[in-house]
Amino acid sequence: MATFTFASDKEFDVAGFGTNAVDFLIEVPSYPQFNSKVELSKYTQLAGGEIASTMVGLQRLGLSTTYAGRFGSDPAADIGIRSLIDEGVNTEFVERIAGASTQIAFIIVDEASGERTVIWKRDQKLAYTPGDAPLEAARRCRILHITPHDTAACIEMAQAAKEAGAYVSIDIDNIFDGIDALLPLVDIFVSSSDFPERLTGNSSLEASLAELSRTYGFKLTCATLGDSGSILLADGDFMRTPGFDVPGGCVDTTGAGDAFRAGLLYGILSGGSIEAAAVSANAVAALKCRKLGARTALPNVQEFTTLLKNAGRA
């Protein structure tokens, strides 16, 4: 299976470039039907966003991270930035944009299953151009982890990371303009199970992952499978890794994919096998689902190792 060799002179294990958000989480007894009314059970406001949450997950597991991203000038920005500082994530590449609104998401969580529906909005004032991409963050890490919302800026970041000897990891679930120019720079590709078909037109998940790997040269090609775990392709070999039962039952799947990526990158950076990294990814994702919100139940190392031992998968 694929192996990774990391530079020893980097300040950060992982630099994140991409989305942050403040989530408005609404719990309901069951998902509402169209044109109906339902009384909510609970409502809360918590920090989230794909890349920001993955950095928090890695930080809780003991790695060093920095987050490069933009917030607005509103009170939501105070919540988002403070959440990163409190977790120990480096914020020197964080910006506040005057007159902009911080990205928000309204998330409806079905209490019966823990499954969620996300309704989000990102202010265009938060977007990066290639000329203002924070390239220094990409040069000071072992892995650059990105979402491609600002694709042209991501290309600049990925090129800077590669030139500095770092690997590039992508969190991708939508097709963006310019994605064909970005993907050849990616080493670690992780998406939801439905996305490869949308990208390739091939209805077979394994065939579409294999096509993406051949076309773009990914070192690791992976799709998440919800509570069934994940499927991973490396060096031409597929590996399916089962998921874990959520301790105490699934409360909320919001951010489970972000947690999966935190566990995967943690496993890769820990120097173990790719198989062990896949197990780590599934474990961190399961533990995250214990509580409401994208970050609330992200585990520390002790919680993580306890789950592995209890499941006989240490």
C-alpha atoms as a PDB file:
ATOM      1  CA  MET A   1       0.000   0.000   0.000  1.00  0.00           C
ATOM      2  CA  ALA A   2       1.017   3.620  -0.521  1.00  0.00           C
ATOM      3  CA  THR A   3       3.541   5.171   1.843  1.00  0.00           C
ATOM      4  CA  PHE A   4       4.100   8.815   2.742  1.00  0.00           C
ATOM      5  CA  THR A   5       7.406  10.485   3.585  1.00  0.00           C
ATOM      6  CA  PHE A   6       7.173  13.798   5.397  1.00  0.00           C
ATOM      7  CA  ALA A   7       9.600  16.674   5.717  1.00  0.00           C
ATOM      8  CA  SER A   8      10.906  17.110   9.253  1.00  0.00           C
ATOM      9  CA  ASP A   9      11.372  20.881   9.099  1.00  0.00           C
ATOM     10  CA  LYS A  10       7.721  21.951   8.907  1.00  0.00           C
ATOM     11  CA  GLU A  11       6.006  24.036  11.561  1.00  0.00           C
ATOM     12  CA  PHE A  12       2.555  22.502  11.048  1.00  0.00           C
ATOM     13  CA  ASP A  13       1.441  18.951  10.457  1.00  0.00           C
ATOM     14  CA  VAL A  14      -1.588  20.189   8.511  1.00  0.00           C
ATOM     15  CA  ALA A  15      -2.610  23.544   7.077  1.00  0.00           C
ATOM     16  CA  GLY A  16      -6.264  23.975   6.199  1.00  0.00           C
ATOM     17  CA  PHE A  17      -7.458  26.293   3.439  1.00  0.00           C
ATOM     18  CA  GLY A  18     -11.174  26.564   2.813  1.00  0.00           C
ATOM     19  CA  THR A  19     -14.512  26.720   4.480  1.00  0.00           C
ATOM     20  CA  ASN A  20     -15.540  27.723   7.969  1.00  0.00           C
ATOM     21  CA  ALA A  21     -19.086  28.368   9.149  1.00  0.00           C
ATOM     22  CA  VAL A  22     -21.332  29.008  12.088  1.00  0.00           C
ATOM     23  CA  ASP A  23     -24.043  26.364  12.199  1.00  0.00           C
ATOM     24  CA  PHE A  24     -27.589  26.840  13.434  1.00  0.00           C
ATOM     25  CA  LEU A  25     -28.607  23.312  14.442  1.00  0.00           C
ATOM     26  CA  ILE A  26     -32.311  22.507  14.692  1.00  0.00           C
ATOM     27  CA  GLU A  27     -33.359  19.148  16.150  1.00  0.00           C
ATOM     28  CA  VAL A  28     -36.788  17.838  15.135  1.00  0.00           C
ATOM     29  CA  PRO A  29     -38.604  14.607  16.162  1.00  0.00           C
ATOM     30  CA  SER A  30     -38.775  13.576  12.502  1.00  0.00           C
ATOM     31  CA  TYR A  31     -37.892  15.282   9.245  1.00  0.00           C
ATOM     32  CA  PRO A  32     -40.772  17.569   8.207  1.00  0.00           C
ATOM     33  CA  GLN A  33     -42.829  16.869   5.122  1.00  0.00           C
ATOM     34  CA  PHE A  34     -43.227  19.506   2.428  1.00  0.00           C
ATOM     35  CA  ASN A  35     -45.680  22.302   3.297  1.00  0.00           C
ATOM     36  CA  SER A  36     -45.958  21.159   6.927  1.00  0.00           C
ATOM     37  CA  LYS A  37     -45.218  22.546  10.377  1.00  0.00           C
ATOM     38  CA  VAL A  38     -43.185  20.836  13.070  1.00  0.00           C
ATOM     39  CA  GLU A  39     -42.157  21.937  16.548  1.00  0.00           C
ATOM     40  CA  LEU A  40     -38.412  21.781  17.081  1.00  0.00           C
ATOM     41  CA  SER A  41     -37.022  19.903  20.069  1.00  0.00           C
ATOM     42  CA  LYS A  42     -33.826  21.895  20.513  1.00  0.00           C
ATOM     43  CA  TYR A  43     -31.914  24.705  18.835  1.00  0.00           C
ATOM     44  CA  THR A  44     -28.268  25.662  19.216  1.00  0.00           C
ATOM     45  CA  GLN A  45     -25.561  27.701  17.507  1.00  0.00           C
ATOM     46  CA  LEU A  46     -22.101  26.142  17.082  1.00  0.00           C
ATOM     47  CA  ALA A  47     -18.954  26.651  15.009  1.00  0.00           C
ATOM     48  CA  GLY A  48     -18.528  24.382  11.992  1.00  0.00           C
ATOM     49  CA  GLY A  49     -17.353  24.358   8.375  1.00  0.00           C
ATOM     50  CA  GLU A  50     -15.480  21.554   6.628  1.00  0.00           C
ATOM     51  CA  ILE A  51     -11.865  22.670   6.829  1.00  0.00           C
ATOM     52  CA  ALA A  52     -12.069  24.522  10.134  1.00  0.00           C
ATOM     53  CA  SER A  53     -13.694  21.486  11.773  1.00  0.00           C
ATOM     54  CA  THR A  54     -11.080  19.102  10.370  1.00  0.00           C
ATOM     55  CA  MET A  55      -8.314  21.306  11.834  1.00  0.00           C
ATOM     56  CA  VAL A  56     -10.011  21.162  15.240  1.00  0.00           C
ATOM     57  CA  GLY A  57     -10.299  17.376  14.958  1.00  0.00           C
ATOM     58  CA  LEU A  58      -6.583  17.053  14.198  1.00  0.00           C
ATOM     59  CA  GLN A  59      -5.656  19.442  16.999  1.00  0.00           C
ATOM     60  CA  ARG A  60      -7.622  17.373  19.530  1.00  0.00           C
ATOM     61  CA  LEU A  61      -5.693  14.310  18.382  1.00  0.00           C
ATOM     62  CA  GLY A  62      -2.445  16.045  19.226  1.00  0.00           C
ATOM     63  CA  LEU A  63      -1.282  17.339  15.839  1.00  0.00           C
ATOM     64  CA  SER A  64      -0.265  20.919  15.017  1.00  0.00           C
ATOM     65  CA  THR A  65      -2.519  22.810  12.615  1.00  0.00           C
ATOM     66  CA  THR A  66      -3.081  26.213  11.090  1.00  0.00           C
ATOM     67  CA  TYR A  67      -6.274  27.465   9.474  1.00  0.00           C
ATOM     68  CA  ALA A  68      -6.272  29.889   6.532  1.00  0.00           C
ATOM     69  CA  GLY A  69      -9.706  31.289   5.824  1.00  0.00           C
ATOM     70  CA  ARG A  70     -11.957  34.310   5.874  1.00  0.00           C
ATOM     71  CA  PHE A  71     -14.674  35.392   8.254  1.00  0.00           C
ATOM     72  CA  GLY A  72     -17.008  38.351   8.048  1.00  0.00           C
ATOM     73  CA  SER A  73     -17.153  41.401  10.263  1.00  0.00           C
ATOM     74  CA  ASP A  74     -20.244  40.160  12.103  1.00  0.00           C
ATOM     75  CA  PRO A  75     -20.744  38.586  15.561  1.00  0.00           C
ATOM     76  CA  ALA A  76     -20.707  35.107  13.968  1.00  0.00           C
ATOM     77  CA  ALA A  77     -17.044  35.698  13.117  1.00  0.00           C
ATOM     78  CA  ASP A  78     -16.279  36.155  16.816  1.00  0.00           C
ATOM     79  CA  ILE A  79     -17.773  32.718  17.485  1.00  0.00           C
ATOM     80  CA  GLY A  80     -15.876  31.055  14.648  1.00  0.00           C
ATOM     81  CA  ILE A  81     -12.473  32.594  15.339  1.00  0.00           C
ATOM     82  CA  ARG A  82     -12.692  32.117  19.100  1.00  0.00           C
ATOM     83  CA  SER A  83     -13.564  28.440  18.578  1.00  0.00           C
ATOM     84  CA  LEU A  84     -10.282  27.919  16.703  1.00  0.00           C
ATOM     85  CA  ILE A  85      -8.169  29.835  19.202  1.00  0.00           C
ATOM     86  CA  ASP A  86      -9.670  27.925  22.130  1.00  0.00           C
ATOM     87  CA  GLU A  87      -8.758  24.617  20.461  1.00  0.00           C
ATOM     88  CA  GLY A  88      -5.137  25.677  19.845  1.00  0.00           C
ATOM     89  CA  VAL A  89      -5.429  25.980  16.051  1.00  0.00           C
ATOM     90  CA  ASN A  90      -2.987  28.584  14.713  1.00  0.00           C
ATOM     91  CA  THR A  91      -4.932  31.558  13.306  1.00  0.00           C
ATOM     92  CA  GLU A  92      -2.225  33.816  11.828  1.00  0.00           C
ATOM     93  CA  PHE A  93      -3.708  33.266   8.350  1.00  0.00           C
ATOM     94  CA  VAL A  94      -7.285  34.040   9.417  1.00  0.00           C
ATOM     95  CA  GLU A  95      -8.808  37.225   7.982  1.00  0.00           C
ATOM     96  CA  ARG A  96     -11.894  39.275   8.795  1.00  0.00           C
ATOM     97  CA  ILE A  97     -13.438  40.934   5.747  1.00  0.00           C
ATOM     98  CA  ALA A  98     -15.112  44.285   6.343  1.00  0.00           C
ATOM     99  CA  GLY A  99     -18.742  44.362   5.259  1.00  0.00           C
ATOM    100  CA  ALA A 100     -18.916  40.596   4.737  1.00  0.00           C
ATOM    101  CA  SER A 101     -21.079  38.030   6.513  1.00  0.00           C
ATOM    102  CA  THR A 102     -19.530  34.890   7.948  1.00  0.00           C
ATOM    103  CA  GLN A 103     -20.673  31.711   6.209  1.00  0.00           C
ATOM    104  CA  ILE A 104     -23.706  30.204   7.921  1.00  0.00           C
ATOM    105  CA  ALA A 105     -25.565  26.916   7.716  1.00  0.00           C
ATOM    106  CA  PHE A 106     -29.014  25.971   8.942  1.00  0.00           C
ATOM    107  CA  ILE A 107     -28.930  22.267   9.748  1.00  0.00           C
ATOM    108  CA  ILE A 108     -32.056  20.190  10.372  1.00  0.00           C
ATOM    109  CA  VAL A 109     -31.252  17.099  12.434  1.00  0.00           C
ATOM    110  CA  ASP A 110     -33.680  14.156  12.575  1.00  0.00           C
ATOM    111  CA  GLU A 111     -33.643  12.931  16.187  1.00  0.00           C
ATOM    112  CA  ALA A 112     -34.724   9.434  15.202  1.00  0.00           C
ATOM    113  CA  SER A 113     -31.710   8.750  12.982  1.00  0.00           C
ATOM    114  CA  GLY A 114     -29.236  11.552  13.598  1.00  0.00           C
ATOM    115  CA  GLU A 115     -29.183  12.290   9.853  1.00  0.00           C
ATOM    116  CA  ARG A 116     -29.070  15.942   8.835  1.00  0.00           C
ATOM    117  CA  THR A 117     -29.977  18.290   6.008  1.00  0.00           C
ATOM    118  CA  VAL A 118     -27.755  21.343   5.454  1.00  0.00           C
ATOM    119  CA  ILE A 119     -28.890  24.684   4.025  1.00  0.00           C
ATOM    120  CA  TRP A 120     -25.939  27.036   3.676  1.00  0.00           C
ATOM    121  CA  LYS A 121     -24.844  30.408   2.342  1.00  0.00           C
ATOM    122  CA  ARG A 122     -21.365  31.815   1.666  1.00  0.00           C
ATOM    123  CA  ASP A 123     -20.868  35.532   1.096  1.00  0.00           C
ATOM    124  CA  GLN A 124     -18.970  36.136  -2.163  1.00  0.00           C
ATOM    125  CA  LYS A 125     -16.898  38.766  -0.328  1.00  0.00           C
ATOM    126  CA  LEU A 126     -15.163  35.873   1.442  1.00  0.00           C
ATOM    127  CA  ALA A 127     -13.786  34.419  -1.794  1.00  0.00           C
ATOM    128  CA  TYR A 128     -10.061  34.317  -2.553  1.00  0.00           C
ATOM    129  CA  THR A 129      -8.451  35.202  -5.856  1.00  0.00           C
ATOM    130  CA  PRO A 130      -5.152  33.576  -6.913  1.00  0.00           C
ATOM    131  CA  GLY A 131      -3.334  36.798  -6.075  1.00  0.00           C
ATOM    132  CA  ASP A 132      -4.371  36.837  -2.411  1.00  0.00           C
ATOM    133  CA  ALA A 133      -4.025  33.125  -1.612  1.00  0.00           C
ATOM    134  CA  PRO A 134      -2.011  32.755   1.653  1.00  0.00           C
ATOM    135  CA  LEU A 135       0.843  30.760   0.115  1.00  0.00           C
ATOM    136  CA  GLU A 136       3.010  30.903   3.232  1.00  0.00           C
ATOM    137  CA  ALA A 137       0.573  28.598   5.027  1.00  0.00           C
ATOM    138  CA  ALA A 138       0.994  26.018   2.243  1.00  0.00           C
ATOM    139  CA  ARG A 139       4.780  26.182   2.497  1.00  0.00           C
ATOM    140  CA  ARG A 140       4.913  25.575   6.258  1.00  0.00           C
ATOM    141  CA  CYS A 141       3.010  22.289   6.507  1.00  0.00           C
ATOM    142  CA  ARG A 142       3.378  18.571   5.829  1.00  0.00           C
ATOM    143  CA  ILE A 143      -0.137  18.261   4.400  1.00  0.00           C
ATOM    144  CA  LEU A 144      -2.275  21.003   2.868  1.00  0.00           C
ATOM    145  CA  HIS A 145      -5.991  20.170   3.255  1.00  0.00           C
ATOM    146  CA  ILE A 146      -8.400  22.134   1.050  1.00  0.00           C
ATOM    147  CA  THR A 147     -11.955  22.571  -0.146  1.00  0.00           C
ATOM    148  CA  PRO A 148     -12.079  23.841  -3.749  1.00  0.00           C
ATOM    149  CA  HIS A 149     -14.678  26.595  -3.404  1.00  0.00           C
ATOM    150  CA  ASP A 150     -12.098  29.142  -4.621  1.00  0.00           C
ATOM    151  CA  THR A 151     -10.550  26.808  -7.164  1.00  0.00           C
ATOM    152  CA  ALA A 152      -8.044  29.167  -8.777  1.00  0.00           C
ATOM    153  CA  ALA A 153      -6.684  30.154  -5.360  1.00  0.00           C
ATOM    154  CA  CYS A 154      -6.549  26.472  -4.388  1.00  0.00           C
ATOM    155  CA  ILE A 155      -4.399  25.761  -7.427  1.00  0.00           C
ATOM    156  CA  GLU A 156      -1.911  28.397  -6.268  1.00  0.00           C
ATOM    157  CA  MET A 157      -1.941  26.935  -2.739  1.00  0.00           C
ATOM    158  CA  ALA A 158      -1.493  23.366  -3.993  1.00  0.00           C
ATOM    159  CA  GLN A 159       1.394  24.334  -6.255  1.00  0.00           C
ATOM    160  CA  ALA A 160       3.121  26.136  -3.389  1.00  0.00           C
ATOM    161  CA  ALA A 161       2.620  23.120  -1.124  1.00  0.00           C
ATOM    162  CA  LYS A 162       4.023  20.683  -3.676  1.00  0.00           C
ATOM    163  CA  GLU A 163       7.044  22.896  -4.353  1.00  0.00           C
ATOM    164  CA  ALA A 164       7.717  22.977  -0.604  1.00  0.00           C
ATOM    165  CA  GLY A 165       7.540  19.169  -0.305  1.00  0.00           C
ATOM    166  CA  ALA A 166       4.059  18.861   1.173  1.00  0.00           C
ATOM    167  CA  TYR A 167       1.195  16.571   0.186  1.00  0.00           C
ATOM    168  CA  VAL A 168      -2.204  17.933  -0.872  1.00  0.00           C
ATOM    169  CA  SER A 169      -5.478  16.554   0.475  1.00  0.00           C
ATOM    170  CA  ILE A 170      -8.879  17.576  -0.863  1.00  0.00           C
ATOM    171  CA  ASP A 171     -12.376  17.502   0.646  1.00  0.00           C
ATOM    172  CA  ILE A 172     -14.675  17.586  -2.372  1.00  0.00           C
ATOM    173  CA  ASP A 173     -18.372  16.921  -2.865  1.00  0.00           C
ATOM    174  CA  ASN A 174     -19.262  19.366  -5.649  1.00  0.00           C
ATOM    175  CA  ILE A 175     -17.962  20.130  -9.125  1.00  0.00           C
ATOM    176  CA  PHE A 176     -16.382  23.574  -9.380  1.00  0.00           C
ATOM    177  CA  ASP A 177     -15.096  25.488 -12.406  1.00  0.00           C
ATOM    178  CA  GLY A 178     -11.429  24.715 -12.968  1.00  0.00           C
ATOM    179  CA  ILE A 179     -11.456  21.474 -11.005  1.00  0.00           C
ATOM    180  CA  ASP A 180      -9.659  19.590 -13.806  1.00  0.00           C
ATOM    181  CA  ALA A 181      -6.635  21.856 -13.316  1.00  0.00           C
ATOM    182  CA  LEU A 182      -6.620  21.361  -9.532  1.00  0.00           C
ATOM    183  CA  LEU A 183      -7.068  17.602  -9.247  1.00  0.00           C
ATOM    184  CA  PRO A 184      -3.688  16.643 -10.814  1.00  0.00           C
ATOM    185  CA  LEU A 185      -2.058  18.441  -7.864  1.00  0.00           C
ATOM    186  CA  VAL A 186      -3.961  16.331  -5.299  1.00  0.00           C
ATOM    187  CA  ASP A 187      -2.390  13.367  -3.484  1.00  0.00           C
ATOM    188  CA  ILE A 188      -5.221  12.412  -1.106  1.00  0.00           C
ATOM    189  CA  PHE A 189      -8.729  12.471  -2.609  1.00  0.00           C
ATOM    190  CA  VAL A 190     -11.693  11.933  -0.277  1.00  0.00           C
ATOM    191  CA  SER A 191     -15.332  12.398  -1.276  1.00  0.00           C
ATOM    192  CA  SER A 192     -18.796  11.120  -0.421  1.00  0.00           C
ATOM    193  CA  SER A 193     -19.873   7.924  -2.162  1.00  0.00           C
ATOM    194  CA  ASP A 194     -22.121   9.654  -4.714  1.00  0.00           C
ATOM    195  CA  PHE A 195     -19.596  12.192  -5.966  1.00  0.00           C
ATOM    196  CA  PRO A 196     -17.293   9.990  -8.100  1.00  0.00           C
ATOM    197  CA  GLU A 197     -20.221   9.028 -10.326  1.00  0.00           C
ATOM    198  CA  ARG A 198     -21.127  12.700 -10.786  1.00  0.00           C
ATOM    199  CA  LEU A 199     -17.542  13.448 -11.773  1.00  0.00           C
ATOM    200  CA  THR A 200     -17.016  10.478 -14.113  1.00  0.00           C
ATOM    201  CA  GLY A 201     -20.516   9.433 -15.219  1.00  0.00           C
ATOM    202  CA  ASN A 202     -19.734   5.858 -14.150  1.00  0.00           C
ATOM    203  CA  SER A 203     -22.379   4.347 -11.832  1.00  0.00           C
ATOM    204  CA  SER A 204     -19.950   1.819 -10.326  1.00  0.00           C
ATOM    205  CA  LEU A 205     -18.216   3.334  -7.300  1.00  0.00           C
ATOM    206  CA  GLU A 206     -15.117   1.167  -7.635  1.00  0.00           C
ATOM    207  CA  ALA A 207     -14.852   1.813 -11.378  1.00  0.00           C
ATOM    208  CA  SER A 208     -15.279   5.555 -10.940  1.00  0.00           C
ATOM    209  CA  LEU A 209     -12.668   5.692  -8.149  1.00  0.00           C
ATOM    210  CA  ALA A 210     -10.272   3.721 -10.354  1.00  0.00           C
ATOM    211  CA  GLU A 211     -10.919   6.093 -13.274  1.00  0.00           C
ATOM    212  CA  LEU A 212     -10.256   9.145 -11.091  1.00  0.00           C
ATOM    213  CA  SER A 213      -7.063   7.605  -9.753  1.00  0.00           C
ATOM    214  CA  ARG A 214      -5.792   6.848 -13.266  1.00  0.00           C
ATOM    215  CA  THR A 215      -6.779  10.215 -14.683  1.00  0.00           C
ATOM    216  CA  TYR A 216      -5.370  12.427 -11.955  1.00  0.00           C
ATOM    217  CA  GLY A 217      -2.670  10.286 -10.350  1.00  0.00           C
ATOM    218  CA  PHE A 218      -3.946  10.356  -6.761  1.00  0.00           C
ATOM    219  CA  LYS A 219      -1.760   8.595  -4.231  1.00  0.00           C
ATOM    220  CA  LEU A 220      -4.849   7.717  -2.192  1.00  0.00           C
ATOM    221  CA  THR A 221      -8.438   7.695  -3.499  1.00  0.00           C
ATOM    222  CA  CYS A 222     -11.210   7.318  -0.949  1.00  0.00           C
ATOM    223  CA  ALA A 223     -14.994   7.522  -0.593  1.00  0.00           C
ATOM    224  CA  THR A 224     -16.945   7.608   2.650  1.00  0.00           C
ATOM    225  CA  LEU A 225     -19.841   5.174   3.034  1.00  0.00           C
ATOM    226  CA  GLY A 226     -21.685   6.525   6.076  1.00  0.00           C
ATOM    227  CA  ASP A 227     -22.115   4.006   8.876  1.00  0.00           C
ATOM    228  CA  SER A 228     -20.824   1.289   6.529  1.00  0.00           C
ATOM    229  CA  GLY A 229     -17.306   2.746   6.742  1.00  0.00           C
ATOM    230  CA  SER A 230     -15.216   3.602   3.704  1.00  0.00           C
ATOM    231  CA  ILE A 231     -13.627   2.337   0.507  1.00  0.00           C
ATOM    232  CA  LEU A 232     -10.045   3.218  -0.371  1.00  0.00           C
ATOM    233  CA  LEU A 233      -7.871   2.700  -3.440  1.00  0.00           C
ATOM    234  CA  ALA A 234      -4.066   2.795  -3.253  1.00  0.00           C
ATOM    235  CA  ASP A 235      -1.475   1.283  -5.602  1.00  0.00           C
ATOM    236  CA  GLY A 236      -4.249  -0.341  -7.624  1.00  0.00           C
ATOM    237  CA  ASP A 237      -5.729  -2.207  -4.647  1.00  0.00           C
ATOM    238  CA  PHE A 238      -9.151  -1.592  -3.105  1.00  0.00           C
ATOM    239  CA  MET A 239      -9.773  -1.820   0.612  1.00  0.00           C
ATOM    240  CA  ARG A 240     -13.153  -1.650   2.307  1.00  0.00           C
ATOM    241  CA  THR A 241     -13.043  -0.792   6.011  1.00  0.00           C
ATOM    242  CA  PRO A 242     -16.169  -1.252   8.153  1.00  0.00           C
ATOM    243  CA  GLY A 243     -17.478   1.567  10.302  1.00  0.00           C
ATOM    244  CA  PHE A 244     -17.868   1.624  14.068  1.00  0.00           C
ATOM    245  CA  ASP A 245     -21.034   1.685  16.124  1.00  0.00           C
ATOM    246  CA  VAL A 246     -21.483   5.121  17.659  1.00  0.00           C
ATOM    247  CA  PRO A 247     -21.070   4.811  21.440  1.00  0.00           C
ATOM    248  CA  GLY A 248     -24.483   5.527  22.956  1.00  0.00           C
ATOM    249  CA  GLY A 249     -26.127   5.769  19.526  1.00  0.00           C
ATOM    250  CA  CYS A 250     -25.946   8.308  16.707  1.00  0.00           C
ATOM    251  CA  VAL A 251     -27.163  11.779  17.719  1.00  0.00           C
ATOM    252  CA  ASP A 252     -26.044  13.892  14.751  1.00  0.00           C
ATOM    253  CA  THR A 253     -24.073  13.160  11.571  1.00  0.00           C
ATOM    254  CA  THR A 254     -23.214  16.829  10.969  1.00  0.00           C
ATOM    255  CA  GLY A 255     -19.470  17.017  10.306  1.00  0.00           C
ATOM    256  CA  ALA A 256     -18.947  13.256  10.196  1.00  0.00           C
ATOM    257  CA  GLY A 257     -17.122  13.612   6.889  1.00  0.00           C
ATOM    258  CA  ASP A 258     -14.886  16.320   8.335  1.00  0.00           C
ATOM    259  CA  ALA A 259     -14.117  14.031  11.278  1.00  0.00           C
ATOM    260  CA  PHE A 260     -13.367  11.150   8.899  1.00  0.00           C
ATOM    261  CA  ARG A 261     -10.794  13.286   7.126  1.00  0.00           C
ATOM    262  CA  ALA A 262      -9.248  14.302  10.454  1.00  0.00           C
ATOM    263  CA  GLY A 263      -8.897  10.633  11.393  1.00  0.00           C
ATOM    264  CA  LEU A 264      -7.468   9.700   8.005  1.00  0.00           C
ATOM    265  CA  LEU A 265      -4.845  12.463   8.028  1.00  0.00           C
ATOM    266  CA  TYR A 266      -4.001  11.662  11.645  1.00  0.00           C
ATOM    267  CA  GLY A 267      -3.448   8.026  10.697  1.00  0.00           C
ATOM    268  CA  ILE A 268      -1.292   8.926   7.719  1.00  0.00           C
ATOM    269  CA  LEU A 269       0.827  11.364   9.721  1.00  0.00           C
ATOM    270  CA  SER A 270       1.221   8.850  12.551  1.00  0.00           C
ATOM    271  CA  GLY A 271       3.301   6.689  10.233  1.00  0.00           C
ATOM    272  CA  GLY A 272       1.197   3.543  10.355  1.00  0.00           C
ATOM    273  CA  SER A 273      -0.251   1.587   7.462  1.00  0.00           C
ATOM    274  CA  ILE A 274      -2.924   2.902   5.123  1.00  0.00           C
ATOM    275  CA  GLU A 275      -5.203   0.198   6.523  1.00  0.00           C
ATOM    276  CA  ALA A 276      -4.696   1.579  10.032  1.00  0.00           C
ATOM    277  CA  ALA A 277      -5.364   5.118   8.770  1.00  0.00           C
ATOM    278  CA  ALA A 278      -8.701   3.987   7.315  1.00  0.00           C
ATOM    279  CA  VAL A 279      -9.638   2.452  10.663  1.00  0.00           C
ATOM    280  CA  SER A 280      -8.665   5.706  12.396  1.00  0.00           C
ATOM    281  CA  ALA A 281     -10.833   7.694  10.001  1.00  0.00           C
ATOM    282  CA  ASN A 282     -13.908   5.559  10.640  1.00  0.00           C
ATOM    283  CA  ALA A 283     -13.345   5.656  14.414  1.00  0.00           C
ATOM    284  CA  VAL A 284     -13.071   9.445  14.619  1.00  0.00           C
ATOM    285  CA  ALA A 285     -16.169   9.851  12.442  1.00  0.00           C
ATOM    286  CA  ALA A 286     -18.191   7.522  14.677  1.00  0.00           C
ATOM    287  CA  LEU A 287     -17.115   9.292  17.863  1.00  0.00           C
ATOM    288  CA  LYS A 288     -18.060  12.684  16.422  1.00  0.00           C
ATOM    289  CA  CYS A 289     -21.658  11.478  15.986  1.00  0.00           C
ATOM    290  CA  ARG A 290     -22.138  11.100  19.759  1.00  0.00           C
ATOM    291  CA  LYS A 291     -23.340  14.681  20.200  1.00  0.00           C
ATOM    292  CA  LEU A 292     -24.983  17.533  18.342  1.00  0.00           C
ATOM    293  CA  GLY A 293     -22.731  19.682  16.164  1.00  0.00           C
ATOM    294  CA  ALA A 294     -19.756  19.274  13.872  1.00  0.00           C
ATOM    295  CA  ARG A 295     -17.121  19.534  16.609  1.00  0.00           C
ATOM    296  CA  THR A 296     -18.733  18.930  20.003  1.00  0.00           C
ATOM    297  CA  ALA A 297     -17.777  15.244  20.264  1.00  0.00           C
ATOM    298  CA  LEU A 298     -14.577  15.212  18.211  1.00  0.00           C
ATOM    299  CA  PRO A 299     -12.407  12.860  20.273  1.00  0.00           C
ATOM    300  CA  ASN A 300      -9.119  13.260  22.044  1.00  0.00           C
ATOM    301  CA  VAL A 301      -6.483  10.531  21.777  1.00  0.00           C
ATOM    302  CA  GLN A 302      -7.696   8.691  24.878  1.00  0.00           C
ATOM    303  CA  GLU A 303     -11.292   8.482  23.629  1.00  0.00           C
ATOM    304  CA  PHE A 304     -10.044   7.401  20.223  1.00  0.00           C
ATOM    305  CA  THR A 305      -7.794   4.613  21.541  1.00  0.00           C
ATOM    306  CA  THR A 306     -10.501   3.428  23.951  1.00  0.00           C
ATOM    307  CA  LEU A 307     -12.952   2.936  21.073  1.00  0.00           C
ATOM    308  CA  LEU A 308     -10.358   0.968  19.094  1.00  0.00           C
ATOM    309  CA  LYS A 309      -9.614  -1.285  22.084  1.00  0.00           C
ATOM    310  CA  ASN A 310     -13.263  -1.826  22.968  1.00  0.00           C
ATOM    311  CA  ALA A 311     -14.006  -2.758  19.354  1.00  0.00           C
ATOM    312  CA  GLY A 312     -11.001  -5.092  19.170  1.00  0.00           C
ATOM    313  CA  ARG A 313      -9.451  -3.028  16.380  1.00  0.00           C
ATOM    314  CA  ALA A 314      -6.473  -1.445  18.131  1.00  0.00           C
END
